[in-house]
Amino acid sequence: MASTDLSTRQLRAFVALVDLPNFTRAAQACHLSQPAFSTLIRALEQEVGTRLFDRNTRSVQLTPEGHLFEASARRLLADVERAIGDLGDHVERRKGRVHVAALPSLAAGWLPALFSDFHAQWPGIELALSDQLSDACIDLVRGGQADFALAAAASRAADSAELRLRVLCTDRFHLVCPADHPLATEPRLTLRKLQPFAFIHMTRNSSVRQALEVALHPLAMNTVLEVEQLATVMGMVEAGLGISVVPTLTLYQFRRETIAIRPLPLPQLTRRIYLVQRREGSLSAAAQGLHDMVVERLGSLSI
């Protein structure tokens, strides 16, 4: 009974002998001695359970079974070479796909330049981005849809045995208010001084709101609106409907002449940005490349 333990060396020797029907020339093409090459051919014939070549002192030619085997042998070799080539493209980051989940503030403000640099360096890698709130980002990693996430509220991930967290940076907070607002020129800002004024809050499931409530407790702000998007906060503040407090990494949306930005010197009011990934399993070469770029740049960011 024929065996199926064929090697690519045997298949390459077979094809070489078909193309160069001479043992000496075929052995040279395979960079083998003639005895070693002949051994490969004999081993192949033993594996398939039949003679593949008729040979005598003057010629080498395929047997009927050899003709039957030729197309399959060439196809098998092509498949192996294609698989190895494709793997090499992924390892060398000529091909691949990376899916990142990130807070909307990071996705819109900080990630675009990094994605642009990554794409310029490895243009063959497809980039996918899910801009979601922290809990949704963490769920995408947990479910295997995202390679890693950049999230702030780590409570859902901290106790998970399947996830690994790494603190990348600590985001501080700033007051944003209309440029002509009394707090725009207040010499010393405190949360109590903010409390009487109309306040634009983020929704309770946002990392910004969660960090604020921890720092504010037991104070309660004079909330006039709750919104989901920081762009909406900016519009409402600019229109004079209220003030707000936002992290440093979101300030790109508020830098305009009509809005004053004041740092809040409150050590207890911070937001940690975490890199979240699955504890088990390795990242692909493409994902590892982007991961390393994120760690290098966000981890060294001074905010």
C-alpha atoms as a PDB file:
ATOM      1  CA  MET A   1       0.000   0.000   0.000  1.00  0.00           C
ATOM      2  CA  ALA A   2       1.315   3.466  -0.938  1.00  0.00           C
ATOM      3  CA  SER A   3       2.292   5.872   1.823  1.00  0.00           C
ATOM      4  CA  THR A   4       1.376   9.573   1.946  1.00  0.00           C
ATOM      5  CA  ASP A   5       4.541  10.746   3.741  1.00  0.00           C
ATOM      6  CA  LEU A   6       5.888  12.655   0.764  1.00  0.00           C
ATOM      7  CA  SER A   7       8.466  15.404   1.242  1.00  0.00           C
ATOM      8  CA  THR A   8       8.928  18.556  -0.795  1.00  0.00           C
ATOM      9  CA  ARG A   9      12.524  17.411  -1.463  1.00  0.00           C
ATOM     10  CA  GLN A  10      11.179  14.269  -3.107  1.00  0.00           C
ATOM     11  CA  LEU A  11       8.640  16.229  -5.138  1.00  0.00           C
ATOM     12  CA  ARG A  12      11.266  18.738  -6.285  1.00  0.00           C
ATOM     13  CA  ALA A  13      13.561  15.873  -7.300  1.00  0.00           C
ATOM     14  CA  PHE A  14      10.737  14.258  -9.273  1.00  0.00           C
ATOM     15  CA  VAL A  15       9.884  17.478 -11.135  1.00  0.00           C
ATOM     16  CA  ALA A  16      13.571  18.167 -11.824  1.00  0.00           C
ATOM     17  CA  LEU A  17      13.969  14.719 -13.379  1.00  0.00           C
ATOM     18  CA  VAL A  18      10.848  15.244 -15.498  1.00  0.00           C
ATOM     19  CA  ASP A  19      12.164  18.592 -16.749  1.00  0.00           C
ATOM     20  CA  LEU A  20      15.769  17.402 -17.136  1.00  0.00           C
ATOM     21  CA  PRO A  21      15.470  13.684 -18.002  1.00  0.00           C
ATOM     22  CA  ASN A  22      19.028  12.979 -16.939  1.00  0.00           C
ATOM     23  CA  PHE A  23      20.068  11.998 -13.423  1.00  0.00           C
ATOM     24  CA  THR A  24      23.310  13.965 -13.507  1.00  0.00           C
ATOM     25  CA  ARG A  25      21.735  17.225 -14.714  1.00  0.00           C
ATOM     26  CA  ALA A  26      18.687  16.894 -12.439  1.00  0.00           C
ATOM     27  CA  ALA A  27      20.931  16.222  -9.423  1.00  0.00           C
ATOM     28  CA  GLN A  28      22.956  19.334 -10.224  1.00  0.00           C
ATOM     29  CA  ALA A  29      19.771  21.419 -10.523  1.00  0.00           C
ATOM     30  CA  CYS A  30      18.789  20.232  -7.019  1.00  0.00           C
ATOM     31  CA  HIS A  31      22.293  20.900  -5.659  1.00  0.00           C
ATOM     32  CA  LEU A  32      22.692  17.231  -4.750  1.00  0.00           C
ATOM     33  CA  SER A  33      25.175  14.515  -5.551  1.00  0.00           C
ATOM     34  CA  GLN A  34      23.910  11.949  -8.035  1.00  0.00           C
ATOM     35  CA  PRO A  35      23.793   9.125  -5.408  1.00  0.00           C
ATOM     36  CA  ALA A  36      21.784  11.343  -3.017  1.00  0.00           C
ATOM     37  CA  PHE A  37      19.457  12.358  -5.842  1.00  0.00           C
ATOM     38  CA  SER A  38      18.925   8.744  -6.906  1.00  0.00           C
ATOM     39  CA  THR A  39      18.114   7.844  -3.314  1.00  0.00           C
ATOM     40  CA  LEU A  40      15.409  10.535  -3.223  1.00  0.00           C
ATOM     41  CA  ILE A  41      13.796   9.185  -6.412  1.00  0.00           C
ATOM     42  CA  ARG A  42      13.857   5.604  -5.127  1.00  0.00           C
ATOM     43  CA  ALA A  43      12.368   6.718  -1.796  1.00  0.00           C
ATOM     44  CA  LEU A  44       9.602   8.579  -3.630  1.00  0.00           C
ATOM     45  CA  GLU A  45       8.752   5.503  -5.703  1.00  0.00           C
ATOM     46  CA  GLN A  46       8.633   3.445  -2.520  1.00  0.00           C
ATOM     47  CA  GLU A  47       6.297   5.965  -0.922  1.00  0.00           C
ATOM     48  CA  VAL A  48       3.835   5.981  -3.842  1.00  0.00           C
ATOM     49  CA  GLY A  49       4.166   2.215  -4.345  1.00  0.00           C
ATOM     50  CA  THR A  50       5.071   2.191  -8.042  1.00  0.00           C
ATOM     51  CA  ARG A  51       7.817   3.060 -10.520  1.00  0.00           C
ATOM     52  CA  LEU A  52       7.558   6.579 -11.838  1.00  0.00           C
ATOM     53  CA  PHE A  53      10.473   6.470 -14.309  1.00  0.00           C
ATOM     54  CA  ASP A  54      11.740   3.988 -16.844  1.00  0.00           C
ATOM     55  CA  ARG A  55      15.510   4.405 -17.002  1.00  0.00           C
ATOM     56  CA  ASN A  56      18.341   2.724 -18.808  1.00  0.00           C
ATOM     57  CA  THR A  57      21.851   3.748 -19.699  1.00  0.00           C
ATOM     58  CA  ARG A  58      20.609   5.950 -22.540  1.00  0.00           C
ATOM     59  CA  SER A  59      17.379   7.600 -21.373  1.00  0.00           C
ATOM     60  CA  VAL A  60      14.994   8.430 -18.540  1.00  0.00           C
ATOM     61  CA  GLN A  61      11.290   8.728 -19.222  1.00  0.00           C
ATOM     62  CA  LEU A  62       8.062   8.741 -17.245  1.00  0.00           C
ATOM     63  CA  THR A  63       6.050   5.587 -16.817  1.00  0.00           C
ATOM     64  CA  PRO A  64       2.268   5.843 -17.341  1.00  0.00           C
ATOM     65  CA  GLU A  65       1.931   6.164 -13.562  1.00  0.00           C
ATOM     66  CA  GLY A  66       4.618   8.855 -13.625  1.00  0.00           C
ATOM     67  CA  HIS A  67       2.614  10.829 -16.198  1.00  0.00           C
ATOM     68  CA  LEU A  68      -0.442  10.477 -13.971  1.00  0.00           C
ATOM     69  CA  PHE A  69       1.506  11.732 -10.927  1.00  0.00           C
ATOM     70  CA  GLU A  70       3.183  14.705 -12.647  1.00  0.00           C
ATOM     71  CA  ALA A  71       0.278  17.190 -12.523  1.00  0.00           C
ATOM     72  CA  SER A  72      -0.406  16.424  -8.865  1.00  0.00           C
ATOM     73  CA  ALA A  73       3.275  16.753  -7.949  1.00  0.00           C
ATOM     74  CA  ARG A  74       3.539  20.148  -9.629  1.00  0.00           C
ATOM     75  CA  ARG A  75       0.320  21.325  -7.961  1.00  0.00           C
ATOM     76  CA  LEU A  76       1.501  20.165  -4.518  1.00  0.00           C
ATOM     77  CA  LEU A  77       4.816  21.975  -4.932  1.00  0.00           C
ATOM     78  CA  ALA A  78       3.082  25.139  -6.115  1.00  0.00           C
ATOM     79  CA  ASP A  79       0.720  25.024  -3.116  1.00  0.00           C
ATOM     80  CA  VAL A  80       3.619  24.595  -0.690  1.00  0.00           C
ATOM     81  CA  GLU A  81       5.610  27.413  -2.286  1.00  0.00           C
ATOM     82  CA  ARG A  82       2.555  29.661  -2.302  1.00  0.00           C
ATOM     83  CA  ALA A  83       1.839  28.904   1.370  1.00  0.00           C
ATOM     84  CA  ILE A  84       5.456  29.556   2.359  1.00  0.00           C
ATOM     85  CA  GLY A  85       5.528  32.749   0.323  1.00  0.00           C
ATOM     86  CA  ASP A  86       2.280  33.983   1.853  1.00  0.00           C
ATOM     87  CA  LEU A  87       3.552  33.196   5.355  1.00  0.00           C
ATOM     88  CA  GLY A  88       6.782  35.015   4.595  1.00  0.00           C
ATOM     89  CA  ASP A  89       4.818  38.059   3.399  1.00  0.00           C
ATOM     90  CA  HIS A  90       2.943  38.107   6.709  1.00  0.00           C
ATOM     91  CA  VAL A  91       6.081  37.586   8.799  1.00  0.00           C
ATOM     92  CA  GLU A  92       7.888  40.363   6.906  1.00  0.00           C
ATOM     93  CA  ARG A  93       4.762  42.569   7.201  1.00  0.00           C
ATOM     94  CA  ARG A  94       4.258  42.809   3.462  1.00  0.00           C
ATOM     95  CA  LYS A  95       0.731  41.483   4.056  1.00  0.00           C
ATOM     96  CA  GLY A  96      -1.595  41.152   7.011  1.00  0.00           C
ATOM     97  CA  ARG A  97      -4.454  42.741   8.904  1.00  0.00           C
ATOM     98  CA  VAL A  98      -4.641  44.526  12.243  1.00  0.00           C
ATOM     99  CA  HIS A  99      -7.852  45.375  14.074  1.00  0.00           C
ATOM    100  CA  VAL A 100      -7.578  47.953  16.854  1.00  0.00           C
ATOM    101  CA  ALA A 101     -10.357  49.032  19.206  1.00  0.00           C
ATOM    102  CA  ALA A 102      -9.860  52.495  20.673  1.00  0.00           C
ATOM    103  CA  LEU A 103     -11.625  55.241  22.560  1.00  0.00           C
ATOM    104  CA  PRO A 104     -13.160  57.757  20.113  1.00  0.00           C
ATOM    105  CA  SER A 105     -10.957  60.539  21.497  1.00  0.00           C
ATOM    106  CA  LEU A 106      -7.844  58.507  20.699  1.00  0.00           C
ATOM    107  CA  ALA A 107      -9.227  57.242  17.407  1.00  0.00           C
ATOM    108  CA  ALA A 108      -9.889  60.759  16.154  1.00  0.00           C
ATOM    109  CA  GLY A 109      -7.093  62.739  17.777  1.00  0.00           C
ATOM    110  CA  TRP A 110      -4.023  60.604  18.308  1.00  0.00           C
ATOM    111  CA  LEU A 111      -4.264  57.471  16.194  1.00  0.00           C
ATOM    112  CA  PRO A 112      -4.572  59.032  12.702  1.00  0.00           C
ATOM    113  CA  ALA A 113      -0.935  60.183  12.566  1.00  0.00           C
ATOM    114  CA  LEU A 114       0.261  56.831  13.913  1.00  0.00           C
ATOM    115  CA  PHE A 115      -1.890  54.906  11.401  1.00  0.00           C
ATOM    116  CA  SER A 116      -0.504  57.095   8.613  1.00  0.00           C
ATOM    117  CA  ASP A 117       3.096  56.383   9.626  1.00  0.00           C
ATOM    118  CA  PHE A 118       2.396  52.662  10.002  1.00  0.00           C
ATOM    119  CA  HIS A 119       0.717  52.500   6.588  1.00  0.00           C
ATOM    120  CA  ALA A 120       3.638  54.342   4.985  1.00  0.00           C
ATOM    121  CA  GLN A 121       6.050  51.803   6.461  1.00  0.00           C
ATOM    122  CA  TRP A 122       3.946  48.689   5.743  1.00  0.00           C
ATOM    123  CA  PRO A 123       1.472  49.614   2.960  1.00  0.00           C
ATOM    124  CA  GLY A 124       0.384  46.007   2.400  1.00  0.00           C
ATOM    125  CA  ILE A 125      -1.147  45.647   5.862  1.00  0.00           C
ATOM    126  CA  GLU A 126      -4.876  46.296   6.147  1.00  0.00           C
ATOM    127  CA  LEU A 127      -5.872  48.427   9.124  1.00  0.00           C
ATOM    128  CA  ALA A 128      -9.247  48.132  10.868  1.00  0.00           C
ATOM    129  CA  LEU A 129     -10.425  50.441  13.647  1.00  0.00           C
ATOM    130  CA  SER A 130     -13.402  50.233  16.006  1.00  0.00           C
ATOM    131  CA  ASP A 131     -13.903  53.564  17.767  1.00  0.00           C
ATOM    132  CA  GLN A 132     -15.938  52.609  20.811  1.00  0.00           C
ATOM    133  CA  LEU A 133     -16.261  53.391  24.493  1.00  0.00           C
ATOM    134  CA  SER A 134     -14.001  51.437  26.831  1.00  0.00           C
ATOM    135  CA  ASP A 135     -16.362  48.577  27.694  1.00  0.00           C
ATOM    136  CA  ALA A 136     -17.120  47.898  24.035  1.00  0.00           C
ATOM    137  CA  CYS A 137     -13.401  48.025  23.188  1.00  0.00           C
ATOM    138  CA  ILE A 138     -12.607  45.484  25.899  1.00  0.00           C
ATOM    139  CA  ASP A 139     -15.418  43.207  24.691  1.00  0.00           C
ATOM    140  CA  LEU A 140     -13.988  43.255  21.159  1.00  0.00           C
ATOM    141  CA  VAL A 141     -10.627  42.062  22.480  1.00  0.00           C
ATOM    142  CA  ARG A 142     -12.222  39.456  24.732  1.00  0.00           C
ATOM    143  CA  GLY A 143     -14.265  38.128  21.817  1.00  0.00           C
ATOM    144  CA  GLY A 144     -11.243  37.918  19.516  1.00  0.00           C
ATOM    145  CA  GLN A 145     -12.490  40.491  16.995  1.00  0.00           C
ATOM    146  CA  ALA A 146      -9.813  43.071  17.891  1.00  0.00           C
ATOM    147  CA  ASP A 147      -6.107  42.324  18.285  1.00  0.00           C
ATOM    148  CA  PHE A 148      -5.785  44.858  21.110  1.00  0.00           C
ATOM    149  CA  ALA A 149      -7.557  47.889  22.514  1.00  0.00           C
ATOM    150  CA  LEU A 150      -6.755  51.318  23.866  1.00  0.00           C
ATOM    151  CA  ALA A 151      -9.220  51.829  26.693  1.00  0.00           C
ATOM    152  CA  ALA A 152      -9.580  53.848  29.867  1.00  0.00           C
ATOM    153  CA  ALA A 153     -12.126  52.227  32.171  1.00  0.00           C
ATOM    154  CA  ALA A 154     -10.332  49.038  33.093  1.00  0.00           C
ATOM    155  CA  SER A 155     -12.720  47.771  35.771  1.00  0.00           C
ATOM    156  CA  ARG A 156     -14.242  45.161  33.449  1.00  0.00           C
ATOM    157  CA  ALA A 157     -10.829  43.887  32.392  1.00  0.00           C
ATOM    158  CA  ALA A 158      -8.802  44.083  35.601  1.00  0.00           C
ATOM    159  CA  ASP A 159     -10.325  40.963  37.113  1.00  0.00           C
ATOM    160  CA  SER A 160     -10.371  38.968  33.895  1.00  0.00           C
ATOM    161  CA  ALA A 161      -7.950  36.059  33.769  1.00  0.00           C
ATOM    162  CA  GLU A 162      -8.136  36.101  29.973  1.00  0.00           C
ATOM    163  CA  LEU A 163      -6.993  39.694  29.486  1.00  0.00           C
ATOM    164  CA  ARG A 164      -3.695  41.479  30.105  1.00  0.00           C
ATOM    165  CA  LEU A 165      -3.560  45.213  30.853  1.00  0.00           C
ATOM    166  CA  ARG A 166      -0.681  47.620  30.479  1.00  0.00           C
ATOM    167  CA  VAL A 167      -0.820  51.262  31.569  1.00  0.00           C
ATOM    168  CA  LEU A 168       0.431  53.411  28.694  1.00  0.00           C
ATOM    169  CA  CYS A 169      -0.076  56.898  30.075  1.00  0.00           C
ATOM    170  CA  THR A 170      -2.067  58.965  32.545  1.00  0.00           C
ATOM    171  CA  ASP A 171      -4.375  61.558  31.039  1.00  0.00           C
ATOM    172  CA  ARG A 172      -4.963  64.727  33.044  1.00  0.00           C
ATOM    173  CA  PHE A 173      -8.047  66.945  32.869  1.00  0.00           C
ATOM    174  CA  HIS A 174      -8.803  70.504  31.795  1.00  0.00           C
ATOM    175  CA  LEU A 175     -11.651  72.934  32.230  1.00  0.00           C
ATOM    176  CA  VAL A 176     -13.205  74.077  28.944  1.00  0.00           C
ATOM    177  CA  CYS A 177     -15.464  77.108  29.004  1.00  0.00           C
ATOM    178  CA  PRO A 178     -16.414  80.054  26.787  1.00  0.00           C
ATOM    179  CA  ALA A 179     -13.546  82.491  26.405  1.00  0.00           C
ATOM    180  CA  ASP A 180     -15.515  85.232  28.190  1.00  0.00           C
ATOM    181  CA  HIS A 181     -16.626  82.993  31.090  1.00  0.00           C
ATOM    182  CA  PRO A 182     -15.660  84.068  34.670  1.00  0.00           C
ATOM    183  CA  LEU A 183     -13.679  80.826  35.144  1.00  0.00           C
ATOM    184  CA  ALA A 184     -11.516  81.646  32.118  1.00  0.00           C
ATOM    185  CA  THR A 185      -9.530  84.078  34.269  1.00  0.00           C
ATOM    186  CA  GLU A 186     -10.072  82.544  37.737  1.00  0.00           C
ATOM    187  CA  PRO A 187      -6.627  82.591  39.444  1.00  0.00           C
ATOM    188  CA  ARG A 188      -6.990  79.245  41.223  1.00  0.00           C
ATOM    189  CA  LEU A 189      -9.374  76.607  39.945  1.00  0.00           C
ATOM    190  CA  THR A 190     -10.984  74.055  42.234  1.00  0.00           C
ATOM    191  CA  LEU A 191     -13.898  71.691  41.754  1.00  0.00           C
ATOM    192  CA  ARG A 192     -15.953  73.708  44.234  1.00  0.00           C
ATOM    193  CA  LYS A 193     -15.475  76.823  42.127  1.00  0.00           C
ATOM    194  CA  LEU A 194     -16.788  74.922  39.110  1.00  0.00           C
ATOM    195  CA  GLN A 195     -19.809  73.537  40.947  1.00  0.00           C
ATOM    196  CA  PRO A 196     -22.225  76.534  40.685  1.00  0.00           C
ATOM    197  CA  PHE A 197     -21.971  76.823  36.902  1.00  0.00           C
ATOM    198  CA  ALA A 198     -24.058  74.987  34.304  1.00  0.00           C
ATOM    199  CA  PHE A 199     -22.171  71.816  33.391  1.00  0.00           C
ATOM    200  CA  ILE A 200     -22.138  69.698  30.225  1.00  0.00           C
ATOM    201  CA  HIS A 201     -21.597  66.076  31.265  1.00  0.00           C
ATOM    202  CA  MET A 202     -20.673  63.014  29.245  1.00  0.00           C
ATOM    203  CA  THR A 203     -22.944  59.980  29.604  1.00  0.00           C
ATOM    204  CA  ARG A 204     -22.356  57.740  32.616  1.00  0.00           C
ATOM    205  CA  ASN A 205     -20.789  54.894  30.616  1.00  0.00           C
ATOM    206  CA  SER A 206     -17.952  57.087  29.327  1.00  0.00           C
ATOM    207  CA  SER A 207     -14.494  56.922  30.883  1.00  0.00           C
ATOM    208  CA  VAL A 208     -14.455  60.726  31.160  1.00  0.00           C
ATOM    209  CA  ARG A 209     -17.625  60.736  33.271  1.00  0.00           C
ATOM    210  CA  GLN A 210     -16.430  57.831  35.406  1.00  0.00           C
ATOM    211  CA  ALA A 211     -13.118  59.534  36.215  1.00  0.00           C
ATOM    212  CA  LEU A 212     -14.921  62.782  37.018  1.00  0.00           C
ATOM    213  CA  GLU A 213     -17.405  61.177  39.380  1.00  0.00           C
ATOM    214  CA  VAL A 214     -14.646  59.481  41.366  1.00  0.00           C
ATOM    215  CA  ALA A 215     -12.824  62.812  41.786  1.00  0.00           C
ATOM    216  CA  LEU A 216     -16.006  64.815  42.444  1.00  0.00           C
ATOM    217  CA  HIS A 217     -17.526  62.612  45.120  1.00  0.00           C
ATOM    218  CA  PRO A 218     -19.438  63.729  47.160  1.00  0.00           C
ATOM    219  CA  LEU A 219     -19.869  66.924  45.094  1.00  0.00           C
ATOM    220  CA  ALA A 220     -22.529  66.999  42.363  1.00  0.00           C
ATOM    221  CA  MET A 221     -22.183  69.289  39.361  1.00  0.00           C
ATOM    222  CA  ASN A 222     -24.975  71.521  38.076  1.00  0.00           C
ATOM    223  CA  THR A 223     -25.677  69.311  35.074  1.00  0.00           C
ATOM    224  CA  VAL A 224     -27.735  70.884  32.283  1.00  0.00           C
ATOM    225  CA  LEU A 225     -26.986  68.329  29.550  1.00  0.00           C
ATOM    226  CA  GLU A 226     -25.625  64.783  29.181  1.00  0.00           C
ATOM    227  CA  VAL A 227     -24.176  63.942  25.755  1.00  0.00           C
ATOM    228  CA  GLU A 228     -22.331  61.007  24.203  1.00  0.00           C
ATOM    229  CA  GLN A 229     -19.826  62.744  21.933  1.00  0.00           C
ATOM    230  CA  LEU A 230     -17.020  65.142  22.826  1.00  0.00           C
ATOM    231  CA  ALA A 231     -17.742  67.078  19.637  1.00  0.00           C
ATOM    232  CA  THR A 232     -21.197  67.774  21.095  1.00  0.00           C
ATOM    233  CA  VAL A 233     -19.601  68.949  24.345  1.00  0.00           C
ATOM    234  CA  MET A 234     -17.478  71.363  22.328  1.00  0.00           C
ATOM    235  CA  GLY A 235     -20.485  72.737  20.463  1.00  0.00           C
ATOM    236  CA  MET A 236     -22.515  73.246  23.627  1.00  0.00           C
ATOM    237  CA  VAL A 237     -19.631  74.927  25.461  1.00  0.00           C
ATOM    238  CA  GLU A 238     -18.913  77.178  22.496  1.00  0.00           C
ATOM    239  CA  ALA A 239     -22.596  78.157  22.367  1.00  0.00           C
ATOM    240  CA  GLY A 240     -22.412  79.209  26.029  1.00  0.00           C
ATOM    241  CA  LEU A 241     -24.736  76.523  27.412  1.00  0.00           C
ATOM    242  CA  GLY A 242     -22.265  75.442  30.053  1.00  0.00           C
ATOM    243  CA  ILE A 243     -18.733  74.465  31.007  1.00  0.00           C
ATOM    244  CA  SER A 244     -17.145  71.024  31.037  1.00  0.00           C
ATOM    245  CA  VAL A 245     -14.041  69.095  32.105  1.00  0.00           C
ATOM    246  CA  VAL A 246     -12.234  66.942  29.539  1.00  0.00           C
ATOM    247  CA  PRO A 247      -8.969  64.940  29.310  1.00  0.00           C
ATOM    248  CA  THR A 248      -5.799  66.256  27.678  1.00  0.00           C
ATOM    249  CA  LEU A 249      -6.021  63.739  24.820  1.00  0.00           C
ATOM    250  CA  THR A 250      -9.357  65.250  23.756  1.00  0.00           C
ATOM    251  CA  LEU A 251      -8.272  68.894  23.675  1.00  0.00           C
ATOM    252  CA  TYR A 252      -7.700  68.902  19.906  1.00  0.00           C
ATOM    253  CA  GLN A 253     -11.496  69.321  19.597  1.00  0.00           C
ATOM    254  CA  PHE A 254     -11.578  72.415  21.814  1.00  0.00           C
ATOM    255  CA  ARG A 255      -8.667  74.467  20.494  1.00  0.00           C
ATOM    256  CA  ARG A 256     -10.459  77.493  19.095  1.00  0.00           C
ATOM    257  CA  GLU A 257     -10.520  81.200  19.932  1.00  0.00           C
ATOM    258  CA  THR A 258     -14.032  81.058  21.375  1.00  0.00           C
ATOM    259  CA  ILE A 259     -13.119  78.484  24.048  1.00  0.00           C
ATOM    260  CA  ALA A 260     -10.790  78.856  27.036  1.00  0.00           C
ATOM    261  CA  ILE A 261      -8.799  75.798  28.142  1.00  0.00           C
ATOM    262  CA  ARG A 262      -7.501  75.733  31.718  1.00  0.00           C
ATOM    263  CA  PRO A 263      -5.541  72.856  33.318  1.00  0.00           C
ATOM    264  CA  LEU A 264      -7.057  71.573  36.539  1.00  0.00           C
ATOM    265  CA  PRO A 265      -4.291  71.083  39.164  1.00  0.00           C
ATOM    266  CA  LEU A 266      -6.078  68.172  40.832  1.00  0.00           C
ATOM    267  CA  PRO A 267      -3.904  65.076  41.399  1.00  0.00           C
ATOM    268  CA  GLN A 268      -6.960  62.921  42.074  1.00  0.00           C
ATOM    269  CA  LEU A 269      -8.515  63.757  38.694  1.00  0.00           C
ATOM    270  CA  THR A 270      -6.765  61.560  36.139  1.00  0.00           C
ATOM    271  CA  ARG A 271      -7.652  58.953  33.537  1.00  0.00           C
ATOM    272  CA  ARG A 272      -5.367  56.016  32.818  1.00  0.00           C
ATOM    273  CA  ILE A 273      -5.065  54.782  29.252  1.00  0.00           C
ATOM    274  CA  TYR A 274      -4.531  51.018  29.048  1.00  0.00           C
ATOM    275  CA  LEU A 275      -3.416  48.715  26.289  1.00  0.00           C
ATOM    276  CA  VAL A 276      -5.648  45.641  26.576  1.00  0.00           C
ATOM    277  CA  GLN A 277      -4.954  42.321  24.850  1.00  0.00           C
ATOM    278  CA  ARG A 278      -5.693  38.663  25.344  1.00  0.00           C
ATOM    279  CA  ARG A 279      -3.401  36.946  27.804  1.00  0.00           C
ATOM    280  CA  GLU A 280      -3.158  33.727  25.789  1.00  0.00           C
ATOM    281  CA  GLY A 281      -1.815  33.582  22.260  1.00  0.00           C
ATOM    282  CA  SER A 282       0.615  35.692  20.289  1.00  0.00           C
ATOM    283  CA  LEU A 283      -0.151  38.697  18.144  1.00  0.00           C
ATOM    284  CA  SER A 284       0.420  38.367  14.422  1.00  0.00           C
ATOM    285  CA  ALA A 285       3.556  40.008  13.046  1.00  0.00           C
ATOM    286  CA  ALA A 286       1.418  42.839  11.655  1.00  0.00           C
ATOM    287  CA  ALA A 287      -0.430  43.386  14.943  1.00  0.00           C
ATOM    288  CA  GLN A 288       2.806  43.190  16.921  1.00  0.00           C
ATOM    289  CA  GLY A 289       4.319  45.893  14.732  1.00  0.00           C
ATOM    290  CA  LEU A 290       1.438  48.273  15.379  1.00  0.00           C
ATOM    291  CA  HIS A 291       1.350  47.283  19.051  1.00  0.00           C
ATOM    292  CA  ASP A 292       5.028  48.198  19.453  1.00  0.00           C
ATOM    293  CA  MET A 293       4.524  51.536  17.697  1.00  0.00           C
ATOM    294  CA  VAL A 294       1.587  52.374  19.997  1.00  0.00           C
ATOM    295  CA  VAL A 295       3.571  51.457  23.126  1.00  0.00           C
ATOM    296  CA  GLU A 296       6.558  53.513  22.013  1.00  0.00           C
ATOM    297  CA  ARG A 297       4.602  56.645  21.119  1.00  0.00           C
ATOM    298  CA  LEU A 298       1.741  56.701  23.594  1.00  0.00           C
ATOM    299  CA  GLY A 299       3.910  55.389  26.403  1.00  0.00           C
ATOM    300  CA  SER A 300       6.362  58.240  25.924  1.00  0.00           C
ATOM    301  CA  LEU A 301       3.685  60.897  25.469  1.00  0.00           C
ATOM    302  CA  SER A 302       3.959  63.735  27.946  1.00  0.00           C
ATOM    303  CA  ILE A 303       0.482  64.859  28.994  1.00  0.00           C
END
